[in-house]
């Protein structure tokens, strides 16, 4: 049993979703960072992991979010409208 790395900010009522070998946390009940997306990744070892804030943000802050992965084709279709 190994404890993971703490998130860099307080989180409540957020969603975690896996995509292409990474884990992301999206949304937050705290309005100070409810548009931020954090990525969890490990480099070369399960003991060398970290959370980093990515440059992409949500347009509108979210909490109690439902998140899921979709195909690139579906994303292109949805975002082209």
PDB file of N, CA and C in Angstrom:
ATOM      1  N   UNK A   1       0.847  -1.170   0.000  1.00  0.00           N
ATOM      2  CA  UNK A   1       0.000   0.000   0.000  1.00  0.00           C
ATOM      3  C   UNK A   1       0.891   1.230   0.000  1.00  0.00           C
ATOM      4  N   UNK A   2       0.737   2.076  -1.028  1.00  0.00           N
ATOM      5  CA  UNK A   2       1.528   3.297  -1.162  1.00  0.00           C
ATOM      6  C   UNK A   2       0.575   4.483  -1.263  1.00  0.00           C
ATOM      7  N   UNK A   3       0.797   5.501  -0.453  1.00  0.00           N
ATOM      8  CA  UNK A   3      -0.008   6.712  -0.550  1.00  0.00           C
ATOM      9  C   UNK A   3       0.421   7.511  -1.768  1.00  0.00           C
ATOM     10  N   UNK A   4      -0.538   8.107  -2.440  1.00  0.00           N
ATOM     11  CA  UNK A   4      -0.242   8.932  -3.606  1.00  0.00           C
ATOM     12  C   UNK A   4       0.112  10.350  -3.214  1.00  0.00           C
ATOM     13  N   UNK A   5       0.378  11.137  -4.218  1.00  0.00           N
ATOM     14  CA  UNK A   5       0.733  12.539  -4.049  1.00  0.00           C
ATOM     15  C   UNK A   5      -0.544  13.346  -3.838  1.00  0.00           C
ATOM     16  N   UNK A   6      -0.527  14.275  -2.892  1.00  0.00           N
ATOM     17  CA  UNK A   6      -1.682  15.132  -2.661  1.00  0.00           C
ATOM     18  C   UNK A   6      -1.896  16.081  -3.831  1.00  0.00           C
ATOM     19  N   UNK A   7      -3.149  16.419  -4.078  1.00  0.00           N
ATOM     20  CA  UNK A   7      -3.450  17.448  -5.067  1.00  0.00           C
ATOM     21  C   UNK A   7      -2.883  18.781  -4.580  1.00  0.00           C
ATOM     22  N   UNK A   8      -2.470  19.662  -5.499  1.00  0.00           N
ATOM     23  CA  UNK A   8      -1.831  20.912  -5.089  1.00  0.00           C
ATOM     24  C   UNK A   8      -2.776  21.953  -4.502  1.00  0.00           C
ATOM     25  N   UNK A   9      -4.079  21.760  -4.641  1.00  0.00           N
ATOM     26  CA  UNK A   9      -5.069  22.676  -4.071  1.00  0.00           C
ATOM     27  C   UNK A   9      -6.168  21.848  -3.422  1.00  0.00           C
ATOM     28  N   UNK A  10      -6.995  22.485  -2.599  1.00  0.00           N
ATOM     29  CA  UNK A  10      -8.125  21.779  -1.998  1.00  0.00           C
ATOM     30  C   UNK A  10      -9.167  21.482  -3.070  1.00  0.00           C
ATOM     31  N   UNK A  11      -9.685  20.276  -3.055  1.00  0.00           N
ATOM     32  CA  UNK A  11     -10.702  19.870  -4.011  1.00  0.00           C
ATOM     33  C   UNK A  11     -11.891  19.291  -3.281  1.00  0.00           C
ATOM     34  N   UNK A  12     -13.063  19.579  -3.825  1.00  0.00           N
ATOM     35  CA  UNK A  12     -14.305  19.015  -3.312  1.00  0.00           C
ATOM     36  C   UNK A  12     -15.298  18.983  -4.458  1.00  0.00           C
ATOM     37  N   UNK A  13     -16.043  17.909  -4.569  1.00  0.00           N
ATOM     38  CA  UNK A  13     -17.060  17.731  -5.605  1.00  0.00           C
ATOM     39  C   UNK A  13     -16.496  17.915  -7.012  1.00  0.00           C
ATOM     40  N   UNK A  14     -15.383  17.258  -7.270  1.00  0.00           N
ATOM     41  CA  UNK A  14     -14.759  17.277  -8.583  1.00  0.00           C
ATOM     42  C   UNK A  14     -14.869  15.896  -9.204  1.00  0.00           C
ATOM     43  N   UNK A  15     -14.485  15.788 -10.446  1.00  0.00           N
ATOM     44  CA  UNK A  15     -14.546  14.516 -11.159  1.00  0.00           C
ATOM     45  C   UNK A  15     -13.151  14.125 -11.612  1.00  0.00           C
ATOM     46  N   UNK A  16     -12.849  12.849 -11.521  1.00  0.00           N
ATOM     47  CA  UNK A  16     -11.587  12.335 -12.028  1.00  0.00           C
ATOM     48  C   UNK A  16     -11.899  11.423 -13.205  1.00  0.00           C
ATOM     49  N   UNK A  17     -11.158  11.611 -14.292  1.00  0.00           N
ATOM     50  CA  UNK A  17     -11.381  10.822 -15.497  1.00  0.00           C
ATOM     51  C   UNK A  17     -10.027  10.397 -16.066  1.00  0.00           C
ATOM     52  N   UNK A  18      -9.969   9.174 -16.585  1.00  0.00           N
ATOM     53  CA  UNK A  18      -8.737   8.663 -17.187  1.00  0.00           C
ATOM     54  C   UNK A  18      -8.814   8.807 -18.703  1.00  0.00           C
ATOM     55  N   UNK A  19      -7.684   9.141 -19.301  1.00  0.00           N
ATOM     56  CA  UNK A  19      -7.620   9.278 -20.752  1.00  0.00           C
ATOM     57  C   UNK A  19      -6.197   9.054 -21.237  1.00  0.00           C
ATOM     58  N   UNK A  20      -6.020   8.091 -22.134  1.00  0.00           N
ATOM     59  CA  UNK A  20      -4.734   7.812 -22.766  1.00  0.00           C
ATOM     60  C   UNK A  20      -3.569   7.728 -21.778  1.00  0.00           C
ATOM     61  N   UNK A  21      -3.742   6.959 -20.735  1.00  0.00           N
ATOM     62  CA  UNK A  21      -2.665   6.719 -19.788  1.00  0.00           C
ATOM     63  C   UNK A  21      -2.474   7.783 -18.729  1.00  0.00           C
ATOM     64  N   UNK A  22      -3.306   8.811 -18.710  1.00  0.00           N
ATOM     65  CA  UNK A  22      -3.220   9.856 -17.700  1.00  0.00           C
ATOM     66  C   UNK A  22      -4.527   9.956 -16.933  1.00  0.00           C
ATOM     67  N   UNK A  23      -4.479  10.639 -15.821  1.00  0.00           N
ATOM     68  CA  UNK A  23      -5.673  10.902 -15.018  1.00  0.00           C
ATOM     69  C   UNK A  23      -5.810  12.411 -14.902  1.00  0.00           C
ATOM     70  N   UNK A  24      -7.043  12.891 -15.040  1.00  0.00           N
ATOM     71  CA  UNK A  24      -7.322  14.326 -14.941  1.00  0.00           C
ATOM     72  C   UNK A  24      -8.387  14.556 -13.884  1.00  0.00           C
ATOM     73  N   UNK A  25      -8.312  15.680 -13.185  1.00  0.00           N
ATOM     74  CA  UNK A  25      -9.370  16.086 -12.288  1.00  0.00           C
ATOM     75  C   UNK A  25      -9.979  17.364 -12.840  1.00  0.00           C
ATOM     76  N   UNK A  26     -11.298  17.406 -12.886  1.00  0.00           N
ATOM     77  CA  UNK A  26     -12.028  18.481 -13.544  1.00  0.00           C
ATOM     78  C   UNK A  26     -13.084  19.030 -12.600  1.00  0.00           C
ATOM     79  N   UNK A  27     -13.174  20.365 -12.524  1.00  0.00           N
ATOM     80  CA  UNK A  27     -14.177  21.019 -11.693  1.00  0.00           C
ATOM     81  C   UNK A  27     -13.794  21.014 -10.225  1.00  0.00           C
ATOM     82  N   UNK A  28     -14.528  21.775  -9.446  1.00  0.00           N
ATOM     83  CA  UNK A  28     -14.230  21.908  -8.023  1.00  0.00           C
ATOM     84  C   UNK A  28     -15.327  22.737  -7.373  1.00  0.00           C
ATOM     85  N   UNK A  29     -15.662  22.446  -6.147  1.00  0.00           N
ATOM     86  CA  UNK A  29     -16.639  23.245  -5.418  1.00  0.00           C
ATOM     87  C   UNK A  29     -16.050  24.590  -4.999  1.00  0.00           C
ATOM     88  N   UNK A  30     -14.728  24.679  -4.927  1.00  0.00           N
ATOM     89  CA  UNK A  30     -14.075  25.945  -4.579  1.00  0.00           C
ATOM     90  C   UNK A  30     -14.003  26.824  -5.821  1.00  0.00           C
ATOM     91  N   UNK A  31     -14.674  27.963  -5.817  1.00  0.00           N
ATOM     92  CA  UNK A  31     -14.758  28.809  -7.010  1.00  0.00           C
ATOM     93  C   UNK A  31     -13.408  29.393  -7.423  1.00  0.00           C
ATOM     94  N   UNK A  32     -12.434  29.407  -6.529  1.00  0.00           N
ATOM     95  CA  UNK A  32     -11.123  29.964  -6.855  1.00  0.00           C
ATOM     96  C   UNK A  32     -10.393  29.146  -7.919  1.00  0.00           C
ATOM     97  N   UNK A  33     -10.758  27.900  -8.089  1.00  0.00           N
ATOM     98  CA  UNK A  33     -10.087  27.077  -9.103  1.00  0.00           C
ATOM     99  C   UNK A  33     -11.022  26.044  -9.745  1.00  0.00           C
ATOM    100  N   UNK A  34     -12.299  26.385  -9.889  1.00  0.00           N
ATOM    101  CA  UNK A  34     -13.237  25.414 -10.451  1.00  0.00           C
ATOM    102  C   UNK A  34     -13.209  25.353 -11.986  1.00  0.00           C
ATOM    103  N   UNK A  35     -12.365  26.163 -12.618  1.00  0.00           N
ATOM    104  CA  UNK A  35     -12.173  26.073 -14.068  1.00  0.00           C
ATOM    105  C   UNK A  35     -10.888  25.313 -14.410  1.00  0.00           C
ATOM    106  N   UNK A  36     -10.071  25.045 -13.411  1.00  0.00           N
ATOM    107  CA  UNK A  36      -8.768  24.425 -13.632  1.00  0.00           C
ATOM    108  C   UNK A  36      -8.879  22.921 -13.874  1.00  0.00           C
ATOM    109  N   UNK A  37      -7.938  22.412 -14.650  1.00  0.00           N
ATOM    110  CA  UNK A  37      -7.822  20.980 -14.911  1.00  0.00           C
ATOM    111  C   UNK A  37      -6.419  20.557 -14.497  1.00  0.00           C
ATOM    112  N   UNK A  38      -6.338  19.527 -13.678  1.00  0.00           N
ATOM    113  CA  UNK A  38      -5.044  19.012 -13.219  1.00  0.00           C
ATOM    114  C   UNK A  38      -4.812  17.624 -13.798  1.00  0.00           C
ATOM    115  N   UNK A  39      -3.581  17.374 -14.169  1.00  0.00           N
ATOM    116  CA  UNK A  39      -3.183  16.103 -14.775  1.00  0.00           C
ATOM    117  C   UNK A  39      -2.256  15.366 -13.803  1.00  0.00           C
ATOM    118  N   UNK A  40      -2.505  14.079 -13.632  1.00  0.00           N
ATOM    119  CA  UNK A  40      -1.672  13.239 -12.779  1.00  0.00           C
ATOM    120  C   UNK A  40      -0.862  12.326 -13.677  1.00  0.00           C
ATOM    121  N   UNK A  41       0.440  12.339 -13.499  1.00  0.00           N
ATOM    122  CA  UNK A  41       1.277  11.434 -14.286  1.00  0.00           C
ATOM    123  C   UNK A  41       2.490  10.999 -13.494  1.00  0.00           C
ATOM    124  N   UNK A  42       2.987   9.845 -13.868  1.00  0.00           N
ATOM    125  CA  UNK A  42       4.165   9.268 -13.236  1.00  0.00           C
ATOM    126  C   UNK A  42       5.282   9.178 -14.278  1.00  0.00           C
ATOM    127  N   UNK A  43       6.498   9.397 -13.838  1.00  0.00           N
ATOM    128  CA  UNK A  43       7.647   9.288 -14.742  1.00  0.00           C
ATOM    129  C   UNK A  43       8.557   8.170 -14.261  1.00  0.00           C
ATOM    130  N   UNK A  44       8.621   7.131 -15.028  1.00  0.00           N
ATOM    131  CA  UNK A  44       9.520   5.985 -14.808  1.00  0.00           C
ATOM    132  C   UNK A  44       9.235   5.147 -13.574  1.00  0.00           C
ATOM    133  N   UNK A  45       8.384   5.589 -12.666  1.00  0.00           N
ATOM    134  CA  UNK A  45       8.156   4.826 -11.445  1.00  0.00           C
ATOM    135  C   UNK A  45       6.845   5.250 -10.799  1.00  0.00           C
ATOM    136  N   UNK A  46       6.196   4.323 -10.134  1.00  0.00           N
ATOM    137  CA  UNK A  46       4.958   4.639  -9.417  1.00  0.00           C
ATOM    138  C   UNK A  46       5.230   5.577  -8.239  1.00  0.00           C
ATOM    139  N   UNK A  47       6.468   5.669  -7.818  1.00  0.00           N
ATOM    140  CA  UNK A  47       6.808   6.568  -6.704  1.00  0.00           C
ATOM    141  C   UNK A  47       7.268   7.941  -7.198  1.00  0.00           C
ATOM    142  N   UNK A  48       7.283   8.163  -8.509  1.00  0.00           N
ATOM    143  CA  UNK A  48       7.687   9.454  -9.078  1.00  0.00           C
ATOM    144  C   UNK A  48       6.504  10.067  -9.823  1.00  0.00           C
ATOM    145  N   UNK A  49       5.458  10.395  -9.082  1.00  0.00           N
ATOM    146  CA  UNK A  49       4.223  10.911  -9.669  1.00  0.00           C
ATOM    147  C   UNK A  49       3.952  12.327  -9.183  1.00  0.00           C
ATOM    148  N   UNK A  50       3.179  13.079  -9.983  1.00  0.00           N
ATOM    149  CA  UNK A  50       2.840  14.446  -9.571  1.00  0.00           C
ATOM    150  C   UNK A  50       1.572  14.913 -10.275  1.00  0.00           C
ATOM    151  N   UNK A  51       0.927  15.897  -9.680  1.00  0.00           N
ATOM    152  CA  UNK A  51      -0.213  16.597 -10.265  1.00  0.00           C
ATOM    153  C   UNK A  51       0.312  17.901 -10.843  1.00  0.00           C
ATOM    154  N   UNK A  52      -0.085  18.241 -12.072  1.00  0.00           N
ATOM    155  CA  UNK A  52       0.272  19.527 -12.656  1.00  0.00           C
ATOM    156  C   UNK A  52      -0.967  20.159 -13.274  1.00  0.00           C
ATOM    157  N   UNK A  53      -1.074  21.461 -13.127  1.00  0.00           N
ATOM    158  CA  UNK A  53      -2.179  22.207 -13.727  1.00  0.00           C
ATOM    159  C   UNK A  53      -1.872  22.369 -15.211  1.00  0.00           C
ATOM    160  N   UNK A  54      -2.821  21.994 -16.071  1.00  0.00           N
ATOM    161  CA  UNK A  54      -2.586  22.140 -17.506  1.00  0.00           C
ATOM    162  C   UNK A  54      -3.083  23.510 -17.964  1.00  0.00           C
ATOM    163  N   UNK A  55      -2.645  23.932 -19.132  1.00  0.00           N
ATOM    164  CA  UNK A  55      -2.986  25.278 -19.604  1.00  0.00           C
ATOM    165  C   UNK A  55      -4.441  25.407 -20.033  1.00  0.00           C
ATOM    166  N   UNK A  56      -5.057  24.311 -20.460  1.00  0.00           N
ATOM    167  CA  UNK A  56      -6.470  24.338 -20.846  1.00  0.00           C
ATOM    168  C   UNK A  56      -7.336  24.532 -19.615  1.00  0.00           C
ATOM    169  N   UNK A  57      -8.326  25.403 -19.703  1.00  0.00           N
ATOM    170  CA  UNK A  57      -9.275  25.618 -18.609  1.00  0.00           C
ATOM    171  C   UNK A  57     -10.697  25.413 -19.117  1.00  0.00           C
ATOM    172  N   UNK A  58     -11.599  25.137 -18.189  1.00  0.00           N
ATOM    173  CA  UNK A  58     -13.014  25.081 -18.528  1.00  0.00           C
ATOM    174  C   UNK A  58     -13.500  26.501 -18.797  1.00  0.00           C
ATOM    175  N   UNK A  59     -14.415  26.661 -19.717  1.00  0.00           N
ATOM    176  CA  UNK A  59     -14.951  27.992 -20.003  1.00  0.00           C
ATOM    177  C   UNK A  59     -15.774  28.489 -18.816  1.00  0.00           C
ATOM    178  N   UNK A  60     -16.517  27.599 -18.196  1.00  0.00           N
ATOM    179  CA  UNK A  60     -17.337  27.930 -17.031  1.00  0.00           C
ATOM    180  C   UNK A  60     -16.954  27.009 -15.888  1.00  0.00           C
ATOM    181  N   UNK A  61     -16.845  27.561 -14.694  1.00  0.00           N
ATOM    182  CA  UNK A  61     -16.517  26.746 -13.531  1.00  0.00           C
ATOM    183  C   UNK A  61     -17.557  25.664 -13.303  1.00  0.00           C
ATOM    184  N   UNK A  62     -17.107  24.526 -12.814  1.00  0.00           N
ATOM    185  CA  UNK A  62     -17.996  23.382 -12.603  1.00  0.00           C
ATOM    186  C   UNK A  62     -17.793  22.779 -11.217  1.00  0.00           C
ATOM    187  N   UNK A  63     -18.844  22.164 -10.712  1.00  0.00           N
ATOM    188  CA  UNK A  63     -18.773  21.297  -9.541  1.00  0.00           C
ATOM    189  C   UNK A  63     -19.825  20.217  -9.726  1.00  0.00           C
ATOM    190  N   UNK A  64     -19.630  19.098  -9.063  1.00  0.00           N
ATOM    191  CA  UNK A  64     -20.518  17.943  -9.252  1.00  0.00           C
ATOM    192  C   UNK A  64     -20.626  17.569 -10.728  1.00  0.00           C
ATOM    193  N   UNK A  65     -19.512  17.575 -11.390  1.00  0.00           N
ATOM    194  CA  UNK A  65     -19.438  17.344 -12.826  1.00  0.00           C
ATOM    195  C   UNK A  65     -19.443  15.853 -13.148  1.00  0.00           C
ATOM    196  N   UNK A  66     -19.973  15.510 -14.284  1.00  0.00           N
ATOM    197  CA  UNK A  66     -19.825  14.170 -14.838  1.00  0.00           C
ATOM    198  C   UNK A  66     -18.860  14.297 -16.009  1.00  0.00           C
ATOM    199  N   UNK A  67     -17.798  13.520 -16.014  1.00  0.00           N
ATOM    200  CA  UNK A  67     -16.801  13.583 -17.083  1.00  0.00           C
ATOM    201  C   UNK A  67     -16.550  12.187 -17.614  1.00  0.00           C
ATOM    202  N   UNK A  68     -16.288  12.099 -18.907  1.00  0.00           N
ATOM    203  CA  UNK A  68     -15.985  10.810 -19.524  1.00  0.00           C
ATOM    204  C   UNK A  68     -15.123  11.058 -20.756  1.00  0.00           C
ATOM    205  N   UNK A  69     -14.410  10.050 -21.167  1.00  0.00           N
ATOM    206  CA  UNK A  69     -13.621  10.181 -22.387  1.00  0.00           C
ATOM    207  C   UNK A  69     -14.522   9.933 -23.594  1.00  0.00           C
ATOM    208  N   UNK A  70     -14.204  10.620 -24.701  1.00  0.00           N
ATOM    209  CA  UNK A  70     -14.883  10.398 -25.967  1.00  0.00           C
ATOM    210  C   UNK A  70     -13.818  10.308 -27.055  1.00  0.00           C
ATOM    211  N   UNK A  71     -14.194   9.811 -28.201  1.00  0.00           N
ATOM    212  CA  UNK A  71     -13.237   9.675 -29.293  1.00  0.00           C
ATOM    213  C   UNK A  71     -12.897  11.049 -29.874  1.00  0.00           C
ATOM    214  N   UNK A  72     -11.741  11.143 -30.531  1.00  0.00           N
ATOM    215  CA  UNK A  72     -11.353  12.386 -31.195  1.00  0.00           C
ATOM    216  C   UNK A  72     -12.367  12.764 -32.273  1.00  0.00           C
ATOM    217  N   UNK A  73     -12.901  11.772 -32.973  1.00  0.00           N
ATOM    218  CA  UNK A  73     -13.888  12.025 -34.026  1.00  0.00           C
ATOM    219  C   UNK A  73     -15.137  12.688 -33.455  1.00  0.00           C
ATOM    220  N   UNK A  74     -15.631  12.176 -32.338  1.00  0.00           N
ATOM    221  CA  UNK A  74     -16.812  12.769 -31.714  1.00  0.00           C
ATOM    222  C   UNK A  74     -16.482  14.173 -31.209  1.00  0.00           C
ATOM    223  N   UNK A  75     -15.318  14.370 -30.624  1.00  0.00           N
ATOM    224  CA  UNK A  75     -14.928  15.704 -30.147  1.00  0.00           C
ATOM    225  C   UNK A  75     -14.876  16.691 -31.309  1.00  0.00           C
ATOM    226  N   UNK A  76     -14.296  16.274 -32.432  1.00  0.00           N
ATOM    227  CA  UNK A  76     -14.223  17.146 -33.617  1.00  0.00           C
ATOM    228  C   UNK A  76     -15.627  17.507 -34.095  1.00  0.00           C
ATOM    229  N   UNK A  77     -16.525  16.537 -34.100  1.00  0.00           N
ATOM    230  CA  UNK A  77     -17.901  16.785 -34.536  1.00  0.00           C
ATOM    231  C   UNK A  77     -18.604  17.758 -33.606  1.00  0.00           C
ATOM    232  N   UNK A  78     -18.477  17.541 -32.315  1.00  0.00           N
ATOM    233  CA  UNK A  78     -19.148  18.400 -31.338  1.00  0.00           C
ATOM    234  C   UNK A  78     -18.585  19.814 -31.326  1.00  0.00           C
ATOM    235  N   UNK A  79     -17.281  19.933 -31.493  1.00  0.00           N
ATOM    236  CA  UNK A  79     -16.627  21.242 -31.400  1.00  0.00           C
ATOM    237  C   UNK A  79     -16.692  22.033 -32.692  1.00  0.00           C
ATOM    238  N   UNK A  80     -17.082  21.413 -33.805  1.00  0.00           N
ATOM    239  CA  UNK A  80     -17.147  22.132 -35.077  1.00  0.00           C
ATOM    240  C   UNK A  80     -18.463  22.868 -35.252  1.00  0.00           C
ATOM    241  N   UNK A  81     -19.417  22.632 -34.364  1.00  0.00           N
ATOM    242  CA  UNK A  81     -20.738  23.291 -34.479  1.00  0.00           C
ATOM    243  C   UNK A  81     -20.752  24.616 -33.782  1.00  0.00           C
TER     244      UNK A  81
END
